Amino acid sequence: AQMEQNYRRALSISGGDHGILIGSPIAVGLYIFIAVLLAIAVTMAVRKRRRRARED
């Protein structure tokens, strides 16, 4: 709930412009970091599933 409130506050301050959420280099770096972590998690899950399928 707090995250949603902060999101609404950021949009209110920016006048509804979503660009404020990616305007800072720190934010872009964090988004890239999160995307890499998600890609690693998905890759590991797919490999695990394939390994299990081969063992059966």
Protein backbone atom coordinates (compact mmCIF):
# COMPACT_ATOMS: atom_id res chain seq x y z
CA ALA A 1 0.00 0.00 0.00
CA GLN A 2 2.85 2.39 0.76
CA MET A 3 4.38 1.75 -2.65
CA GLU A 4 1.09 2.68 -4.33
CA GLN A 5 0.88 5.87 -2.28
CA ASN A 6 4.42 6.84 -3.28
CA TYR A 7 3.61 6.07 -6.92
CA ARG A 8 0.52 8.29 -6.79
CA ARG A 9 2.50 11.03 -5.05
CA ALA A 10 5.21 10.92 -7.72
CA LEU A 11 2.62 11.17 -10.48
CA SER A 12 0.86 13.99 -8.69
CA ILE A 13 4.09 15.96 -8.30
CA SER A 14 5.02 15.39 -11.96
CA GLY A 15 1.61 16.37 -13.24
CA GLY A 16 0.84 12.84 -14.42
CA ASP A 17 4.07 12.41 -16.38
CA HIS A 18 5.35 8.83 -16.07
CA GLY A 19 8.73 9.95 -17.41
CA ILE A 20 9.70 11.07 -13.94
CA LEU A 21 9.95 7.41 -12.93
CA ILE A 22 12.75 6.75 -15.45
CA GLY A 23 14.29 10.21 -15.71
CA SER A 24 17.13 9.67 -13.27
CA PRO A 25 20.22 7.61 -14.09
CA ILE A 26 19.86 5.86 -10.73
CA ALA A 27 16.32 4.79 -11.61
CA VAL A 28 17.43 3.50 -15.00
CA GLY A 29 20.24 1.56 -13.34
CA LEU A 30 17.83 0.01 -10.87
CA TYR A 31 15.41 -0.97 -13.64
CA ILE A 32 18.24 -2.62 -15.57
CA PHE A 33 19.39 -4.44 -12.43
CA ILE A 34 15.86 -5.71 -11.76
CA ALA A 35 15.47 -6.82 -15.39
CA VAL A 36 18.75 -8.77 -15.20
CA LEU A 37 17.67 -10.45 -11.95
CA LEU A 38 14.33 -11.42 -13.49
CA ALA A 39 16.05 -12.78 -16.60
CA ILE A 40 18.38 -14.88 -14.45
CA ALA A 41 15.46 -16.24 -12.40
CA VAL A 42 13.49 -17.17 -15.53
CA THR A 43 16.52 -18.77 -17.15
CA MET A 44 17.22 -20.85 -14.06
CA ALA A 45 13.58 -21.96 -13.84
CA VAL A 46 13.54 -23.00 -17.50
CA ARG A 47 16.79 -24.94 -17.14
CA LYS A 48 15.49 -26.69 -14.04
CA ARG A 49 12.26 -27.64 -15.82
CA ARG A 50 14.17 -28.97 -18.84
CA ARG A 51 16.51 -30.96 -16.60
CA ARG A 52 13.54 -32.55 -14.83
CA ALA A 53 11.91 -33.38 -18.17
CA ARG A 54 15.08 -35.13 -19.36
CA GLU A 55 15.33 -37.16 -16.15
CA ASP A 56 11.78 -38.53 -16.52
